[in-house]
C-alpha atoms as a PDB file:
ATOM      1  CA  UNK A   1      -0.096  -0.051   0.041  1.00  0.00           C
ATOM      2  CA  UNK A   2       1.091   3.687  -0.963  1.00  0.00           C
ATOM      3  CA  UNK A   3       0.607   6.957   1.269  1.00  0.00           C
ATOM      4  CA  UNK A   4      -2.602   8.745   0.216  1.00  0.00           C
ATOM      5  CA  UNK A   5      -0.523  11.831   0.917  1.00  0.00           C
ATOM      6  CA  UNK A   6       2.600  13.207   2.692  1.00  0.00           C
ATOM      7  CA  UNK A   7       1.959  16.341   5.007  1.00  0.00           C
ATOM      8  CA  UNK A   8       4.882  18.377   6.129  1.00  0.00           C
ATOM      9  CA  UNK A   9       4.188  20.444   9.171  1.00  0.00           C
ATOM     10  CA  UNK A  10       7.009  22.659   9.900  1.00  0.00           C
ATOM     11  CA  UNK A  11       7.268  26.559  10.242  1.00  0.00           C
ATOM     12  CA  UNK A  12      10.472  26.619   8.185  1.00  0.00           C
ATOM     13  CA  UNK A  13      10.005  27.265   4.527  1.00  0.00           C
ATOM     14  CA  UNK A  14      13.547  26.575   3.525  1.00  0.00           C
ATOM     15  CA  UNK A  15      12.424  23.191   5.050  1.00  0.00           C
ATOM     16  CA  UNK A  16       9.673  22.996   3.086  1.00  0.00           C
ATOM     17  CA  UNK A  17      11.831  24.067  -0.136  1.00  0.00           C
ATOM     18  CA  UNK A  18      14.627  20.830   0.638  1.00  0.00           C
ATOM     19  CA  UNK A  19      11.993  18.621   1.450  1.00  0.00           C
ATOM     20  CA  UNK A  20      10.448  19.162  -2.117  1.00  0.00           C
ATOM     21  CA  UNK A  21      13.933  19.428  -3.700  1.00  0.00           C
ATOM     22  CA  UNK A  22      14.975  15.932  -2.323  1.00  0.00           C
ATOM     23  CA  UNK A  23      11.709  14.564  -3.252  1.00  0.00           C
ATOM     24  CA  UNK A  24      12.071  15.493  -6.899  1.00  0.00           C
ATOM     25  CA  UNK A  25      15.152  13.982  -6.605  1.00  0.00           C
ATOM     26  CA  UNK A  26      14.159  10.323  -5.812  1.00  0.00           C
ATOM     27  CA  UNK A  27      10.902  10.847  -7.985  1.00  0.00           C
ATOM     28  CA  UNK A  28       8.076  10.961  -5.149  1.00  0.00           C
ATOM     29  CA  UNK A  29       4.791  10.858  -6.757  1.00  0.00           C
ATOM     30  CA  UNK A  30       3.064  10.876  -3.721  1.00  0.00           C
ATOM     31  CA  UNK A  31       0.988  14.560  -3.315  1.00  0.00           C
ATOM     32  CA  UNK A  32       2.964  16.399  -0.595  1.00  0.00           C
ATOM     33  CA  UNK A  33       1.516  19.534   1.019  1.00  0.00           C
ATOM     34  CA  UNK A  34       3.003  22.006   3.399  1.00  0.00           C
ATOM     35  CA  UNK A  35       1.695  23.646   6.184  1.00  0.00           C
ATOM     36  CA  UNK A  36       3.567  25.981   8.325  1.00  0.00           C
ATOM     37  CA  UNK A  37       1.575  25.462  11.726  1.00  0.00           C
ATOM     38  CA  UNK A  38      -0.400  22.412  12.934  1.00  0.00           C
ATOM     39  CA  UNK A  39      -3.383  24.377  13.341  1.00  0.00           C
ATOM     40  CA  UNK A  40      -3.941  25.118   9.540  1.00  0.00           C
ATOM     41  CA  UNK A  41      -3.376  21.455   9.016  1.00  0.00           C
ATOM     42  CA  UNK A  42      -5.917  20.671  11.820  1.00  0.00           C
ATOM     43  CA  UNK A  43      -8.179  23.299   9.894  1.00  0.00           C
ATOM     44  CA  UNK A  44      -8.759  22.204   6.328  1.00  0.00           C
ATOM     45  CA  UNK A  45      -7.445  18.140   6.428  1.00  0.00           C
ATOM     46  CA  UNK A  46     -10.006  16.093   9.164  1.00  0.00           C
ATOM     47  CA  UNK A  47     -13.134  17.016   7.000  1.00  0.00           C
ATOM     48  CA  UNK A  48     -11.738  16.066   3.611  1.00  0.00           C
ATOM     49  CA  UNK A  49      -9.926  13.163   4.626  1.00  0.00           C
ATOM     50  CA  UNK A  50     -13.082  11.774   6.769  1.00  0.00           C
ATOM     51  CA  UNK A  51     -14.864  11.798   3.325  1.00  0.00           C
ATOM     52  CA  UNK A  52     -12.169  10.718   0.865  1.00  0.00           C
ATOM     53  CA  UNK A  53     -12.784   7.168   1.039  1.00  0.00           C
ATOM     54  CA  UNK A  54      -9.319   6.087   0.748  1.00  0.00           C
ATOM     55  CA  UNK A  55      -8.165   2.758   2.842  1.00  0.00           C
ATOM     56  CA  UNK A  56      -4.227   4.302   2.940  1.00  0.00           C
ATOM     57  CA  UNK A  57      -2.577   5.877   5.270  1.00  0.00           C
ATOM     58  CA  UNK A  58      -1.312   9.510   5.074  1.00  0.00           C
ATOM     59  CA  UNK A  59       2.315  10.553   6.269  1.00  0.00           C
ATOM     60  CA  UNK A  60       2.921  13.478   8.725  1.00  0.00           C
ATOM     61  CA  UNK A  61       6.332  14.783   8.784  1.00  0.00           C
ATOM     62  CA  UNK A  62       6.058  17.130  11.904  1.00  0.00           C
ATOM     63  CA  UNK A  63       8.768  19.533  13.477  1.00  0.00           C
ATOM     64  CA  UNK A  64       7.855  18.964  17.341  1.00  0.00           C
ATOM     65  CA  UNK A  65       9.771  22.255  18.555  1.00  0.00           C
ATOM     66  CA  UNK A  66       8.370  24.650  16.309  1.00  0.00           C
ATOM     67  CA  UNK A  67       7.841  27.984  17.332  1.00  0.00           C
ATOM     68  CA  UNK A  68       8.060  26.977  21.166  1.00  0.00           C
ATOM     69  CA  UNK A  69       6.508  23.791  21.098  1.00  0.00           C
ATOM     70  CA  UNK A  70       3.741  24.016  18.699  1.00  0.00           C
ATOM     71  CA  UNK A  71       4.392  20.508  17.325  1.00  0.00           C
ATOM     72  CA  UNK A  72       3.755  19.268  20.992  1.00  0.00           C
ATOM     73  CA  UNK A  73       0.382  20.929  20.655  1.00  0.00           C
ATOM     74  CA  UNK A  74      -0.346  19.752  17.339  1.00  0.00           C
ATOM     75  CA  UNK A  75       0.287  16.109  18.908  1.00  0.00           C
ATOM     76  CA  UNK A  76      -1.932  16.441  21.850  1.00  0.00           C
ATOM     77  CA  UNK A  77      -4.741  18.021  19.283  1.00  0.00           C
ATOM     78  CA  UNK A  78      -4.481  14.916  17.131  1.00  0.00           C
ATOM     79  CA  UNK A  79      -4.684  12.766  19.766  1.00  0.00           C
ATOM     80  CA  UNK A  80      -7.951  14.214  20.572  1.00  0.00           C
ATOM     81  CA  UNK A  81      -9.213  13.095  17.183  1.00  0.00           C
ATOM     82  CA  UNK A  82     -11.268  10.140  16.765  1.00  0.00           C
ATOM     83  CA  UNK A  83     -10.039   6.634  16.088  1.00  0.00           C
ATOM     84  CA  UNK A  84     -10.627   5.914  12.774  1.00  0.00           C
ATOM     85  CA  UNK A  85      -9.714   9.329  11.489  1.00  0.00           C
ATOM     86  CA  UNK A  86      -6.012   9.114  13.727  1.00  0.00           C
ATOM     87  CA  UNK A  87      -5.720   5.443  12.345  1.00  0.00           C
ATOM     88  CA  UNK A  88      -5.413   6.951   9.018  1.00  0.00           C
ATOM     89  CA  UNK A  89      -2.051   8.643   9.707  1.00  0.00           C
ATOM     90  CA  UNK A  90       1.395   7.695  10.340  1.00  0.00           C
ATOM     91  CA  UNK A  91       3.875  10.650  11.957  1.00  0.00           C
ATOM     92  CA  UNK A  92       7.130  11.293  11.577  1.00  0.00           C
ATOM     93  CA  UNK A  93       8.462  13.743  14.437  1.00  0.00           C
ATOM     94  CA  UNK A  94      11.448  15.562  13.554  1.00  0.00           C
ATOM     95  CA  UNK A  95      13.261  17.618  16.274  1.00  0.00           C
ATOM     96  CA  UNK A  96      17.050  19.699  16.312  1.00  0.00           C
ATOM     97  CA  UNK A  97      16.762  18.217  19.825  1.00  0.00           C
ATOM     98  CA  UNK A  98      19.103  15.366  20.747  1.00  0.00           C
ATOM     99  CA  UNK A  99      17.313  13.995  23.426  1.00  0.00           C
ATOM    100  CA  UNK A 100      16.400  10.808  24.888  1.00  0.00           C
ATOM    101  CA  UNK A 101      13.421  11.678  26.954  1.00  0.00           C
ATOM    102  CA  UNK A 102      11.959  13.862  24.332  1.00  0.00           C
ATOM    103  CA  UNK A 103      12.329  10.892  21.706  1.00  0.00           C
ATOM    104  CA  UNK A 104      10.474   8.857  24.127  1.00  0.00           C
ATOM    105  CA  UNK A 105       7.836  11.413  25.012  1.00  0.00           C
ATOM    106  CA  UNK A 106       7.324  12.120  21.117  1.00  0.00           C
ATOM    107  CA  UNK A 107       6.899   8.182  20.487  1.00  0.00           C
ATOM    108  CA  UNK A 108       4.578   7.521  23.491  1.00  0.00           C
ATOM    109  CA  UNK A 109       1.947   8.827  20.968  1.00  0.00           C
ATOM    110  CA  UNK A 110       0.507   5.875  18.896  1.00  0.00           C
ATOM    111  CA  UNK A 111       0.378   8.324  15.636  1.00  0.00           C
ATOM    112  CA  UNK A 112       3.770   8.607  15.981  1.00  0.00           C
ATOM    113  CA  UNK A 113       5.979   5.638  14.151  1.00  0.00           C
ATOM    114  CA  UNK A 114       9.522   7.308  14.452  1.00  0.00           C
ATOM    115  CA  UNK A 115      11.457  10.124  15.401  1.00  0.00           C
ATOM    116  CA  UNK A 116      14.178  11.708  13.712  1.00  0.00           C
ATOM    117  CA  UNK A 117      17.054  14.321  13.993  1.00  0.00           C
ATOM    118  CA  UNK A 118      16.778  17.412  11.939  1.00  0.00           C
ATOM    119  CA  UNK A 119      18.290  19.366   9.888  1.00  0.00           C
ATOM    120  CA  UNK A 120      19.257  16.358   7.836  1.00  0.00           C
ATOM    121  CA  UNK A 121      21.587  16.267   4.828  1.00  0.00           C
ATOM    122  CA  UNK A 122      19.803  14.355   1.105  1.00  0.00           C
ATOM    123  CA  UNK A 123      21.689  11.179   2.271  1.00  0.00           C
ATOM    124  CA  UNK A 124      19.908  11.619   6.177  1.00  0.00           C
ATOM    125  CA  UNK A 125      16.641  12.140   4.348  1.00  0.00           C
ATOM    126  CA  UNK A 126      17.342   8.905   2.318  1.00  0.00           C
ATOM    127  CA  UNK A 127      17.585   6.816   5.312  1.00  0.00           C
ATOM    128  CA  UNK A 128      14.810   8.263   7.271  1.00  0.00           C
ATOM    129  CA  UNK A 129      12.692   6.996   3.581  1.00  0.00           C
ATOM    130  CA  UNK A 130      14.563   3.875   3.503  1.00  0.00           C
ATOM    131  CA  UNK A 131      13.456   3.457   7.229  1.00  0.00           C
ATOM    132  CA  UNK A 132       9.904   4.372   6.860  1.00  0.00           C
ATOM    133  CA  UNK A 133       9.469   2.333   3.651  1.00  0.00           C
ATOM    134  CA  UNK A 134      10.930  -0.863   5.300  1.00  0.00           C
ATOM    135  CA  UNK A 135       9.387  -0.442   8.919  1.00  0.00           C
ATOM    136  CA  UNK A 136       5.568   0.569   7.778  1.00  0.00           C
ATOM    137  CA  UNK A 137       3.502  -1.709   5.734  1.00  0.00           C
ATOM    138  CA  UNK A 138       3.283   0.973   3.695  1.00  0.00           C
ATOM    139  CA  UNK A 139       5.343   3.014   0.717  1.00  0.00           C
ATOM    140  CA  UNK A 140       6.489   6.648  -0.501  1.00  0.00           C
END
């Protein structure tokens, strides 16, 4: 099964540009949507995804520490969504922090499948993609 869509939730538009460049380079055909904050994502997507009828999963790359912890607020709000909707997503938590406690805190959320350190190079991006593709029953 492939991802229906990939969502980048990160206030850093330079990061958006890097992800676009990396995904273009490896030929990702999955639609990618960019959000600078989690509230915009939550306002726009649950309604459209609820009615999409797609059985596949969606991937979110989430910057945890964006703008004083907005990523953490997103996880709390996302956790409050209905199970049927939440189960259509896999979240990859991204952080500039090298903290085992933060990693464990992020992975304690059922929807968070992976935790990666950023920023990352093209090679780091490839490693992240390979990990996701190999460890989830989905592919990009």
